[in-house]
Structure formats: structure tokens, C-alpha cells
C-alpha atoms as a PDB file:
ATOM      1  CA  UNK A   1     -14.890  30.944  -5.334  1.00  0.00           C
ATOM      2  CA  UNK A   2     -18.331  31.494  -3.782  1.00  0.00           C
ATOM      3  CA  UNK A   3     -21.541  31.708  -5.820  1.00  0.00           C
ATOM      4  CA  UNK A   4     -19.819  31.206  -9.162  1.00  0.00           C
ATOM      5  CA  UNK A   5     -21.711  29.517 -11.943  1.00  0.00           C
ATOM      6  CA  UNK A   6     -19.929  26.420 -13.284  1.00  0.00           C
ATOM      7  CA  UNK A   7     -20.644  24.638 -16.562  1.00  0.00           C
ATOM      8  CA  UNK A   8     -19.617  21.275 -15.068  1.00  0.00           C
ATOM      9  CA  UNK A   9     -18.739  19.794 -11.676  1.00  0.00           C
ATOM     10  CA  UNK A  10     -16.423  16.807 -11.315  1.00  0.00           C
ATOM     11  CA  UNK A  11     -16.115  14.358  -8.376  1.00  0.00           C
ATOM     12  CA  UNK A  12     -14.530  16.129  -5.425  1.00  0.00           C
ATOM     13  CA  UNK A  13     -15.933  19.583  -6.297  1.00  0.00           C
ATOM     14  CA  UNK A  14     -17.957  21.250  -3.557  1.00  0.00           C
ATOM     15  CA  UNK A  15     -21.098  22.676  -5.153  1.00  0.00           C
ATOM     16  CA  UNK A  16     -24.440  24.027  -4.028  1.00  0.00           C
ATOM     17  CA  UNK A  17     -27.691  23.424  -5.884  1.00  0.00           C
ATOM     18  CA  UNK A  18     -31.431  23.170  -5.394  1.00  0.00           C
ATOM     19  CA  UNK A  19     -33.621  20.122  -5.989  1.00  0.00           C
ATOM     20  CA  UNK A  20     -37.348  20.408  -6.687  1.00  0.00           C
ATOM     21  CA  UNK A  21     -39.591  19.210  -3.844  1.00  0.00           C
ATOM     22  CA  UNK A  22     -36.645  18.715  -1.444  1.00  0.00           C
ATOM     23  CA  UNK A  23     -36.342  21.032   1.543  1.00  0.00           C
ATOM     24  CA  UNK A  24     -32.989  22.023   3.041  1.00  0.00           C
ATOM     25  CA  UNK A  25     -34.289  20.480   6.294  1.00  0.00           C
ATOM     26  CA  UNK A  26     -34.553  17.045   4.584  1.00  0.00           C
ATOM     27  CA  UNK A  27     -30.831  16.939   3.781  1.00  0.00           C
ATOM     28  CA  UNK A  28     -28.673  15.464   6.538  1.00  0.00           C
ATOM     29  CA  UNK A  29     -24.986  14.935   7.256  1.00  0.00           C
ATOM     30  CA  UNK A  30     -23.537  12.118   5.136  1.00  0.00           C
ATOM     31  CA  UNK A  31     -26.158  12.320   2.361  1.00  0.00           C
ATOM     32  CA  UNK A  32     -24.770  11.708  -1.120  1.00  0.00           C
ATOM     33  CA  UNK A  33     -26.307  12.785  -4.407  1.00  0.00           C
ATOM     34  CA  UNK A  34     -25.576  11.184  -7.738  1.00  0.00           C
ATOM     35  CA  UNK A  35     -26.841  10.481 -11.186  1.00  0.00           C
ATOM     36  CA  UNK A  36     -29.863   8.154 -11.148  1.00  0.00           C
ATOM     37  CA  UNK A  37     -29.173   6.861 -14.676  1.00  0.00           C
ATOM     38  CA  UNK A  38     -25.484   6.082 -14.259  1.00  0.00           C
ATOM     39  CA  UNK A  39     -24.293   4.243 -11.107  1.00  0.00           C
ATOM     40  CA  UNK A  40     -26.700   5.769  -8.527  1.00  0.00           C
ATOM     41  CA  UNK A  41     -25.395   5.988  -4.922  1.00  0.00           C
ATOM     42  CA  UNK A  42     -26.623   3.158  -2.680  1.00  0.00           C
ATOM     43  CA  UNK A  43     -26.364   2.250   0.973  1.00  0.00           C
ATOM     44  CA  UNK A  44     -23.423   0.001   1.871  1.00  0.00           C
ATOM     45  CA  UNK A  45     -24.182  -3.232   3.709  1.00  0.00           C
ATOM     46  CA  UNK A  46     -20.469  -3.802   4.339  1.00  0.00           C
ATOM     47  CA  UNK A  47     -17.138  -3.062   2.707  1.00  0.00           C
ATOM     48  CA  UNK A  48     -13.575  -4.340   2.520  1.00  0.00           C
ATOM     49  CA  UNK A  49     -10.942  -1.755   3.323  1.00  0.00           C
ATOM     50  CA  UNK A  50      -7.193  -1.511   3.598  1.00  0.00           C
ATOM     51  CA  UNK A  51      -6.638  -0.016   7.053  1.00  0.00           C
ATOM     52  CA  UNK A  52      -3.397   1.310   8.568  1.00  0.00           C
ATOM     53  CA  UNK A  53      -3.382   1.514  12.374  1.00  0.00           C
ATOM     54  CA  UNK A  54      -1.471   4.691  13.245  1.00  0.00           C
ATOM     55  CA  UNK A  55      -2.035   5.594  16.848  1.00  0.00           C
ATOM     56  CA  UNK A  56      -3.827   3.085  19.095  1.00  0.00           C
ATOM     57  CA  UNK A  57      -2.578   2.492  22.644  1.00  0.00           C
ATOM     58  CA  UNK A  58      -3.587  -1.180  22.806  1.00  0.00           C
ATOM     59  CA  UNK A  59      -4.547  -3.941  20.397  1.00  0.00           C
ATOM     60  CA  UNK A  60      -7.548  -3.982  18.074  1.00  0.00           C
ATOM     61  CA  UNK A  61      -9.607  -7.175  17.788  1.00  0.00           C
ATOM     62  CA  UNK A  62     -12.524  -8.102  15.480  1.00  0.00           C
ATOM     63  CA  UNK A  63     -15.688  -6.520  16.918  1.00  0.00           C
ATOM     64  CA  UNK A  64     -13.976  -3.148  17.513  1.00  0.00           C
ATOM     65  CA  UNK A  65     -16.541  -0.382  16.835  1.00  0.00           C
ATOM     66  CA  UNK A  66     -14.984   3.081  16.408  1.00  0.00           C
ATOM     67  CA  UNK A  67     -16.421   6.081  14.532  1.00  0.00           C
ATOM     68  CA  UNK A  68     -15.530   6.369  10.838  1.00  0.00           C
ATOM     69  CA  UNK A  69     -15.277   9.800   9.213  1.00  0.00           C
ATOM     70  CA  UNK A  70     -15.872   9.279   5.505  1.00  0.00           C
ATOM     71  CA  UNK A  71     -16.743  12.293   3.283  1.00  0.00           C
ATOM     72  CA  UNK A  72     -19.303  14.154   5.468  1.00  0.00           C
ATOM     73  CA  UNK A  73     -20.562  11.026   7.264  1.00  0.00           C
ATOM     74  CA  UNK A  74     -19.644  10.411  10.905  1.00  0.00           C
ATOM     75  CA  UNK A  75     -20.890   6.893  11.703  1.00  0.00           C
ATOM     76  CA  UNK A  76     -19.931   4.094  14.109  1.00  0.00           C
ATOM     77  CA  UNK A  77     -18.780   1.002  12.209  1.00  0.00           C
ATOM     78  CA  UNK A  78     -17.773  -2.468  13.362  1.00  0.00           C
ATOM     79  CA  UNK A  79     -14.608  -4.209  12.187  1.00  0.00           C
ATOM     80  CA  UNK A  80     -16.307  -7.602  11.862  1.00  0.00           C
ATOM     81  CA  UNK A  81     -13.196  -9.501  10.734  1.00  0.00           C
ATOM     82  CA  UNK A  82      -9.576  -9.003   9.736  1.00  0.00           C
ATOM     83  CA  UNK A  83      -9.065 -10.963   6.503  1.00  0.00           C
ATOM     84  CA  UNK A  84      -5.300 -10.559   6.247  1.00  0.00           C
ATOM     85  CA  UNK A  85      -2.426  -8.600   7.687  1.00  0.00           C
ATOM     86  CA  UNK A  86      -0.354  -6.972   4.939  1.00  0.00           C
ATOM     87  CA  UNK A  87       2.939  -5.133   4.577  1.00  0.00           C
ATOM     88  CA  UNK A  88       2.277  -1.367   4.534  1.00  0.00           C
ATOM     89  CA  UNK A  89       4.799  -0.620   1.799  1.00  0.00           C
ATOM     90  CA  UNK A  90       4.704  -3.610  -0.560  1.00  0.00           C
ATOM     91  CA  UNK A  91       1.113  -4.781  -0.012  1.00  0.00           C
ATOM     92  CA  UNK A  92       2.265  -8.416   0.322  1.00  0.00           C
ATOM     93  CA  UNK A  93       0.359 -10.738   2.678  1.00  0.00           C
ATOM     94  CA  UNK A  94       2.015 -11.355   6.050  1.00  0.00           C
ATOM     95  CA  UNK A  95      -0.673 -13.322   7.932  1.00  0.00           C
ATOM     96  CA  UNK A  96      -4.155 -14.693   7.143  1.00  0.00           C
ATOM     97  CA  UNK A  97      -6.996 -13.953   9.620  1.00  0.00           C
ATOM     98  CA  UNK A  98      -4.923 -12.198  12.326  1.00  0.00           C
ATOM     99  CA  UNK A  99      -6.457 -12.244  15.825  1.00  0.00           C
ATOM    100  CA  UNK A 100      -5.384  -8.674  16.650  1.00  0.00           C
ATOM    101  CA  UNK A 101      -3.602  -5.586  15.306  1.00  0.00           C
ATOM    102  CA  UNK A 102      -1.466  -2.916  16.958  1.00  0.00           C
ATOM    103  CA  UNK A 103      -0.057   0.491  15.962  1.00  0.00           C
ATOM    104  CA  UNK A 104       1.948   0.332  12.746  1.00  0.00           C
ATOM    105  CA  UNK A 105       0.061  -2.698  11.366  1.00  0.00           C
ATOM    106  CA  UNK A 106      -1.863  -2.689   8.092  1.00  0.00           C
ATOM    107  CA  UNK A 107      -4.649  -5.077   7.135  1.00  0.00           C
ATOM    108  CA  UNK A 108      -7.596  -5.816   4.888  1.00  0.00           C
ATOM    109  CA  UNK A 109     -10.698  -5.692   7.108  1.00  0.00           C
ATOM    110  CA  UNK A 110     -14.408  -6.249   6.626  1.00  0.00           C
ATOM    111  CA  UNK A 111     -16.257  -3.218   8.023  1.00  0.00           C
ATOM    112  CA  UNK A 112     -20.015  -3.090   8.764  1.00  0.00           C
ATOM    113  CA  UNK A 113     -21.673   0.335   9.321  1.00  0.00           C
ATOM    114  CA  UNK A 114     -24.120   0.575  12.256  1.00  0.00           C
ATOM    115  CA  UNK A 115     -26.415   3.010  10.367  1.00  0.00           C
ATOM    116  CA  UNK A 116     -27.052   3.613   6.689  1.00  0.00           C
ATOM    117  CA  UNK A 117     -23.908   4.920   5.005  1.00  0.00           C
ATOM    118  CA  UNK A 118     -22.996   5.530   1.369  1.00  0.00           C
ATOM    119  CA  UNK A 119     -19.415   4.699   0.399  1.00  0.00           C
ATOM    120  CA  UNK A 120     -17.686   3.743  -2.847  1.00  0.00           C
ATOM    121  CA  UNK A 121     -14.353   2.200  -3.773  1.00  0.00           C
ATOM    122  CA  UNK A 122     -11.377   4.544  -3.717  1.00  0.00           C
ATOM    123  CA  UNK A 123     -10.540   3.524  -7.301  1.00  0.00           C
ATOM    124  CA  UNK A 124     -13.947   4.652  -8.648  1.00  0.00           C
ATOM    125  CA  UNK A 125     -14.718   7.679  -6.426  1.00  0.00           C
ATOM    126  CA  UNK A 126     -11.721   8.790  -4.302  1.00  0.00           C
ATOM    127  CA  UNK A 127     -13.637  11.291  -2.079  1.00  0.00           C
ATOM    128  CA  UNK A 128     -16.121   8.548  -1.066  1.00  0.00           C
ATOM    129  CA  UNK A 129     -13.439   5.872  -0.761  1.00  0.00           C
ATOM    130  CA  UNK A 130     -11.135   7.172   1.961  1.00  0.00           C
ATOM    131  CA  UNK A 131     -11.826   7.414   5.679  1.00  0.00           C
ATOM    132  CA  UNK A 132     -10.347   8.157   9.092  1.00  0.00           C
ATOM    133  CA  UNK A 133     -11.001   5.973  12.133  1.00  0.00           C
ATOM    134  CA  UNK A 134     -11.563   8.041  15.261  1.00  0.00           C
ATOM    135  CA  UNK A 135     -11.641   6.832  18.845  1.00  0.00           C
ATOM    136  CA  UNK A 136     -10.771   8.460  22.183  1.00  0.00           C
ATOM    137  CA  UNK A 137     -11.030  11.917  20.508  1.00  0.00           C
ATOM    138  CA  UNK A 138      -8.130  11.173  18.151  1.00  0.00           C
ATOM    139  CA  UNK A 139      -7.467   9.587  14.778  1.00  0.00           C
ATOM    140  CA  UNK A 140      -6.323   6.004  15.407  1.00  0.00           C
ATOM    141  CA  UNK A 141      -6.275   4.711  11.817  1.00  0.00           C
ATOM    142  CA  UNK A 142      -6.842   5.633   8.181  1.00  0.00           C
ATOM    143  CA  UNK A 143      -8.037   3.545   5.282  1.00  0.00           C
ATOM    144  CA  UNK A 144      -9.165   3.200   1.702  1.00  0.00           C
ATOM    145  CA  UNK A 145     -12.123   1.166   0.497  1.00  0.00           C
ATOM    146  CA  UNK A 146     -11.318  -1.710  -1.883  1.00  0.00           C
ATOM    147  CA  UNK A 147     -14.735  -3.345  -2.368  1.00  0.00           C
ATOM    148  CA  UNK A 148     -18.335  -2.494  -1.393  1.00  0.00           C
ATOM    149  CA  UNK A 149     -21.343  -4.778  -0.826  1.00  0.00           C
ATOM    150  CA  UNK A 150     -24.398  -2.596  -1.448  1.00  0.00           C
ATOM    151  CA  UNK A 151     -27.936  -3.012  -0.134  1.00  0.00           C
ATOM    152  CA  UNK A 152     -30.497  -3.570  -2.886  1.00  0.00           C
ATOM    153  CA  UNK A 153     -33.491  -1.474  -1.914  1.00  0.00           C
ATOM    154  CA  UNK A 154     -36.458  -1.305  -4.243  1.00  0.00           C
ATOM    155  CA  UNK A 155     -36.942   2.453  -4.182  1.00  0.00           C
ATOM    156  CA  UNK A 156     -38.838   4.911  -6.317  1.00  0.00           C
ATOM    157  CA  UNK A 157     -37.301   5.201  -9.766  1.00  0.00           C
ATOM    158  CA  UNK A 158     -36.915   8.644 -11.255  1.00  0.00           C
ATOM    159  CA  UNK A 159     -38.409   9.514 -14.636  1.00  0.00           C
ATOM    160  CA  UNK A 160     -34.921  10.070 -16.059  1.00  0.00           C
ATOM    161  CA  UNK A 161     -33.714   6.618 -14.987  1.00  0.00           C
ATOM    162  CA  UNK A 162     -36.771   4.868 -16.432  1.00  0.00           C
ATOM    163  CA  UNK A 163     -36.280   6.643 -19.786  1.00  0.00           C
ATOM    164  CA  UNK A 164     -32.746   5.248 -20.102  1.00  0.00           C
ATOM    165  CA  UNK A 165     -33.950   1.618 -20.298  1.00  0.00           C
END
């Protein structure tokens, strides 16, 4: 279990490794590593998520800013708009652009992180595509990410990525 050598790691595996010229002190909570040649991880500008409100005492309106726990990240995010209210079981649309949601409701919402955050769609990378919404020291909702709008940052390209082209 601990300190075993593995020939291959798959998404969801918890592994430890060293990277040249990167100190342990440079790595922070919520950091994601990936392959620079094939779909490198990028910061999310916003994302669409299917959210199920489980345990909230009042109503939730657009502009609500709870803390999202997604993989190892723990970041405040704003629900900027509710696109549609949907049936939890069938997934059919109930109402377009609802003004508010209460416990038991499910919706498709546009979520905007307050700080840099790396997320992916649940379909492509399940560990990076599910989250819990925490507020008042309890989990008030859970969700899965359907679509991500990523920030295009012109960063330093690795030698391996430039060789691929």
C-alpha cells in the first residue's frame, strides 16, 4: 500500500513522485498535475454543473458564494446563475432560469471560482468532476461538472509538449 513501485497509475490513484526543480514547498492544496502533451490541466474560468441541494435551511439565489470541496481544492465559488431547474431522477427540465432553489431541488448552474481552480468534466475525469458544497460547517449540496470554460494562459511550454507538434 505505502511506498510500492507501480508500473502505471490511472486517474483516481493516489501516488507520490518527485519533479525536477520543484520543491515540496511550492506545491499547494488543490494543485493538479497532468500530461503536458495530452490535455494538460488548466485553470477554470467558470463551469456548468448539475447541483442537488440536500440540506439548506433557506433558499439559494444566484450570487450565493459557498465553499466548494473538489478533489483537494477548498475554494469559495459563486453560483452566478441557475440555467434550469431539473428533475433529480429523470433529468427532465422543470423550469428555465429559476429565481431560487430550496432543499431537494436539482438544477444546472453556472459556477465561477473566486481563485484559480482546476476542474474537469465528470465524464472525462471523475475525480476532478465531482464536488461538495459546504456552508455553515455542513454539506448543503453536491454536484457533478458537465462543462468547463478554461482560461487560456500563455505559459511556458515544456520540451516534451513542443516535441509532439
